């Protein structure tokens, strides 16, 4: 199975075209003002039913947790990179900061990679 990426102008507001109608619905927060009934129904479910709101709340919490974990990893990588640039050895960083050696070596490899 291959993935296909399609780029769409999300600002399209030509309601004479199917794509314009779809973009309208994607931007419309009020399900009652949506053009496509299927999108309006799903939007209403996730915004107005107890079950739908619970699902969306869990999804949003997962997204926040993933973002926080990614931010923490980026901070760790920057700290490791700073120390590597100051000529700390991977072993010293591992011993002093207790970062996983795999992470330290990954950052070291990224620093040594030629700029593209």
C-alpha atoms as a PDB file:
ATOM      1  CA  UNK A   1       0.000   0.000   0.000  1.00  0.00           C
ATOM      2  CA  UNK A   2       1.393   3.383  -0.948  1.00  0.00           C
ATOM      3  CA  UNK A   3       0.567   6.661   0.697  1.00  0.00           C
ATOM      4  CA  UNK A   4      -0.474   9.620  -1.368  1.00  0.00           C
ATOM      5  CA  UNK A   5      -0.153  13.177  -0.155  1.00  0.00           C
ATOM      6  CA  UNK A   6      -2.569  15.684  -1.607  1.00  0.00           C
ATOM      7  CA  UNK A   7      -2.088  19.396  -0.988  1.00  0.00           C
ATOM      8  CA  UNK A   8      -5.241  21.482  -0.890  1.00  0.00           C
ATOM      9  CA  UNK A   9      -5.736  25.228  -0.670  1.00  0.00           C
ATOM     10  CA  UNK A  10      -7.662  25.387   2.589  1.00  0.00           C
ATOM     11  CA  UNK A  11      -8.691  28.970   1.881  1.00  0.00           C
ATOM     12  CA  UNK A  12     -10.774  27.898  -1.100  1.00  0.00           C
ATOM     13  CA  UNK A  13     -14.218  29.334  -0.485  1.00  0.00           C
ATOM     14  CA  UNK A  14     -15.811  28.760  -3.880  1.00  0.00           C
ATOM     15  CA  UNK A  15     -19.141  27.213  -2.913  1.00  0.00           C
ATOM     16  CA  UNK A  16     -19.778  26.382  -6.573  1.00  0.00           C
ATOM     17  CA  UNK A  17     -17.210  23.564  -6.336  1.00  0.00           C
ATOM     18  CA  UNK A  18     -17.174  20.396  -4.245  1.00  0.00           C
ATOM     19  CA  UNK A  19     -13.706  21.249  -2.930  1.00  0.00           C
ATOM     20  CA  UNK A  20     -14.816  24.745  -1.920  1.00  0.00           C
ATOM     21  CA  UNK A  21     -17.798  23.269  -0.077  1.00  0.00           C
ATOM     22  CA  UNK A  22     -15.548  20.761   1.688  1.00  0.00           C
ATOM     23  CA  UNK A  23     -13.093  23.478   2.770  1.00  0.00           C
ATOM     24  CA  UNK A  24     -16.045  25.537   4.012  1.00  0.00           C
ATOM     25  CA  UNK A  25     -17.174  22.628   6.180  1.00  0.00           C
ATOM     26  CA  UNK A  26     -13.666  22.015   7.531  1.00  0.00           C
ATOM     27  CA  UNK A  27     -13.471  25.632   8.708  1.00  0.00           C
ATOM     28  CA  UNK A  28     -17.063  25.862   9.975  1.00  0.00           C
ATOM     29  CA  UNK A  29     -17.357  25.343  13.751  1.00  0.00           C
ATOM     30  CA  UNK A  30     -21.172  25.163  13.718  1.00  0.00           C
ATOM     31  CA  UNK A  31     -22.482  21.826  12.385  1.00  0.00           C
ATOM     32  CA  UNK A  32     -25.808  23.493  11.533  1.00  0.00           C
ATOM     33  CA  UNK A  33     -24.013  25.697   8.987  1.00  0.00           C
ATOM     34  CA  UNK A  34     -22.159  22.848   7.267  1.00  0.00           C
ATOM     35  CA  UNK A  35     -23.038  21.815   3.736  1.00  0.00           C
ATOM     36  CA  UNK A  36     -22.228  18.107   3.819  1.00  0.00           C
ATOM     37  CA  UNK A  37     -24.582  16.198   6.152  1.00  0.00           C
ATOM     38  CA  UNK A  38     -22.023  13.476   6.945  1.00  0.00           C
ATOM     39  CA  UNK A  39     -19.478  16.018   8.197  1.00  0.00           C
ATOM     40  CA  UNK A  40     -22.149  17.917  10.109  1.00  0.00           C
ATOM     41  CA  UNK A  41     -23.334  14.701  11.762  1.00  0.00           C
ATOM     42  CA  UNK A  42     -19.811  13.683  12.809  1.00  0.00           C
ATOM     43  CA  UNK A  43     -18.985  17.183  14.002  1.00  0.00           C
ATOM     44  CA  UNK A  44     -22.165  17.296  16.043  1.00  0.00           C
ATOM     45  CA  UNK A  45     -21.364  13.864  17.550  1.00  0.00           C
ATOM     46  CA  UNK A  46     -17.877  14.911  18.700  1.00  0.00           C
ATOM     47  CA  UNK A  47     -19.000  18.311  19.957  1.00  0.00           C
ATOM     48  CA  UNK A  48     -22.416  17.652  21.433  1.00  0.00           C
ATOM     49  CA  UNK A  49     -22.686  14.083  22.740  1.00  0.00           C
ATOM     50  CA  UNK A  50     -21.214  12.883  26.005  1.00  0.00           C
ATOM     51  CA  UNK A  51     -19.482   9.961  24.302  1.00  0.00           C
ATOM     52  CA  UNK A  52     -18.087  12.110  21.483  1.00  0.00           C
ATOM     53  CA  UNK A  53     -16.801  14.786  23.847  1.00  0.00           C
ATOM     54  CA  UNK A  54     -15.129  12.094  25.979  1.00  0.00           C
ATOM     55  CA  UNK A  55     -13.405  10.661  22.894  1.00  0.00           C
ATOM     56  CA  UNK A  56     -12.176  14.082  21.807  1.00  0.00           C
ATOM     57  CA  UNK A  57     -11.006  14.891  25.330  1.00  0.00           C
ATOM     58  CA  UNK A  58      -8.933  11.692  25.426  1.00  0.00           C
ATOM     59  CA  UNK A  59      -7.483  12.452  21.985  1.00  0.00           C
ATOM     60  CA  UNK A  60      -6.571  16.001  22.989  1.00  0.00           C
ATOM     61  CA  UNK A  61      -4.935  14.752  26.202  1.00  0.00           C
ATOM     62  CA  UNK A  62      -2.877  12.236  24.207  1.00  0.00           C
ATOM     63  CA  UNK A  63      -1.818  14.990  21.832  1.00  0.00           C
ATOM     64  CA  UNK A  64      -0.762  17.207  24.764  1.00  0.00           C
ATOM     65  CA  UNK A  65       1.210  14.343  26.306  1.00  0.00           C
ATOM     66  CA  UNK A  66       2.932  13.577  22.992  1.00  0.00           C
ATOM     67  CA  UNK A  67       3.807  17.244  22.522  1.00  0.00           C
ATOM     68  CA  UNK A  68       5.213  17.454  26.057  1.00  0.00           C
ATOM     69  CA  UNK A  69       7.294  14.297  25.541  1.00  0.00           C
ATOM     70  CA  UNK A  70       8.618  15.624  22.225  1.00  0.00           C
ATOM     71  CA  UNK A  71       9.515  18.963  23.827  1.00  0.00           C
ATOM     72  CA  UNK A  72      11.349  17.173  26.653  1.00  0.00           C
ATOM     73  CA  UNK A  73      13.260  15.020  24.157  1.00  0.00           C
ATOM     74  CA  UNK A  74      14.236  18.115  22.179  1.00  0.00           C
ATOM     75  CA  UNK A  75      15.489  19.812  25.375  1.00  0.00           C
ATOM     76  CA  UNK A  76      17.516  16.708  26.226  1.00  0.00           C
ATOM     77  CA  UNK A  77      19.001  16.585  22.727  1.00  0.00           C
ATOM     78  CA  UNK A  78      19.942  20.264  22.881  1.00  0.00           C
ATOM     79  CA  UNK A  79      21.631  19.775  26.262  1.00  0.00           C
ATOM     80  CA  UNK A  80      23.570  16.792  24.946  1.00  0.00           C
ATOM     81  CA  UNK A  81      24.560  18.707  21.794  1.00  0.00           C
ATOM     82  CA  UNK A  82      25.773  21.630  23.896  1.00  0.00           C
ATOM     83  CA  UNK A  83      27.997  19.340  25.943  1.00  0.00           C
ATOM     84  CA  UNK A  84      29.307  17.518  22.878  1.00  0.00           C
ATOM     85  CA  UNK A  85      30.227  20.890  21.341  1.00  0.00           C
ATOM     86  CA  UNK A  86      32.128  21.651  24.567  1.00  0.00           C
ATOM     87  CA  UNK A  87      34.118  18.457  24.027  1.00  0.00           C
ATOM     88  CA  UNK A  88      32.408  16.290  26.607  1.00  0.00           C
ATOM     89  CA  UNK A  89      32.698  12.638  25.667  1.00  0.00           C
ATOM     90  CA  UNK A  90      29.569  10.515  25.306  1.00  0.00           C
ATOM     91  CA  UNK A  91      30.697   8.521  28.354  1.00  0.00           C
ATOM     92  CA  UNK A  92      31.036  11.686  30.451  1.00  0.00           C
ATOM     93  CA  UNK A  93      27.575  12.882  29.452  1.00  0.00           C
ATOM     94  CA  UNK A  94      26.083   9.463  30.175  1.00  0.00           C
ATOM     95  CA  UNK A  95      27.757   9.242  33.568  1.00  0.00           C
ATOM     96  CA  UNK A  96      27.021  12.825  34.637  1.00  0.00           C
ATOM     97  CA  UNK A  97      23.486  13.295  33.277  1.00  0.00           C
ATOM     98  CA  UNK A  98      22.399   9.661  32.967  1.00  0.00           C
ATOM     99  CA  UNK A  99      21.028  10.176  29.445  1.00  0.00           C
ATOM    100  CA  UNK A 100      20.733   6.891  27.554  1.00  0.00           C
ATOM    101  CA  UNK A 101      23.900   6.191  25.582  1.00  0.00           C
ATOM    102  CA  UNK A 102      21.777   5.532  22.467  1.00  0.00           C
ATOM    103  CA  UNK A 103      20.402   9.072  22.641  1.00  0.00           C
ATOM    104  CA  UNK A 104      23.836  10.595  23.159  1.00  0.00           C
ATOM    105  CA  UNK A 105      25.255   8.703  20.173  1.00  0.00           C
ATOM    106  CA  UNK A 106      22.255   9.693  18.046  1.00  0.00           C
ATOM    107  CA  UNK A 107      22.864  13.373  18.814  1.00  0.00           C
ATOM    108  CA  UNK A 108      26.571  12.967  18.166  1.00  0.00           C
ATOM    109  CA  UNK A 109      25.826  11.405  14.788  1.00  0.00           C
ATOM    110  CA  UNK A 110      23.456  14.268  13.931  1.00  0.00           C
ATOM    111  CA  UNK A 111      26.147  16.810  14.836  1.00  0.00           C
ATOM    112  CA  UNK A 112      28.711  15.053  12.655  1.00  0.00           C
ATOM    113  CA  UNK A 113      26.388  14.679   9.673  1.00  0.00           C
ATOM    114  CA  UNK A 114      27.187  17.030   6.809  1.00  0.00           C
ATOM    115  CA  UNK A 115      24.801  19.956   6.435  1.00  0.00           C
ATOM    116  CA  UNK A 116      22.419  19.575   3.550  1.00  0.00           C
END
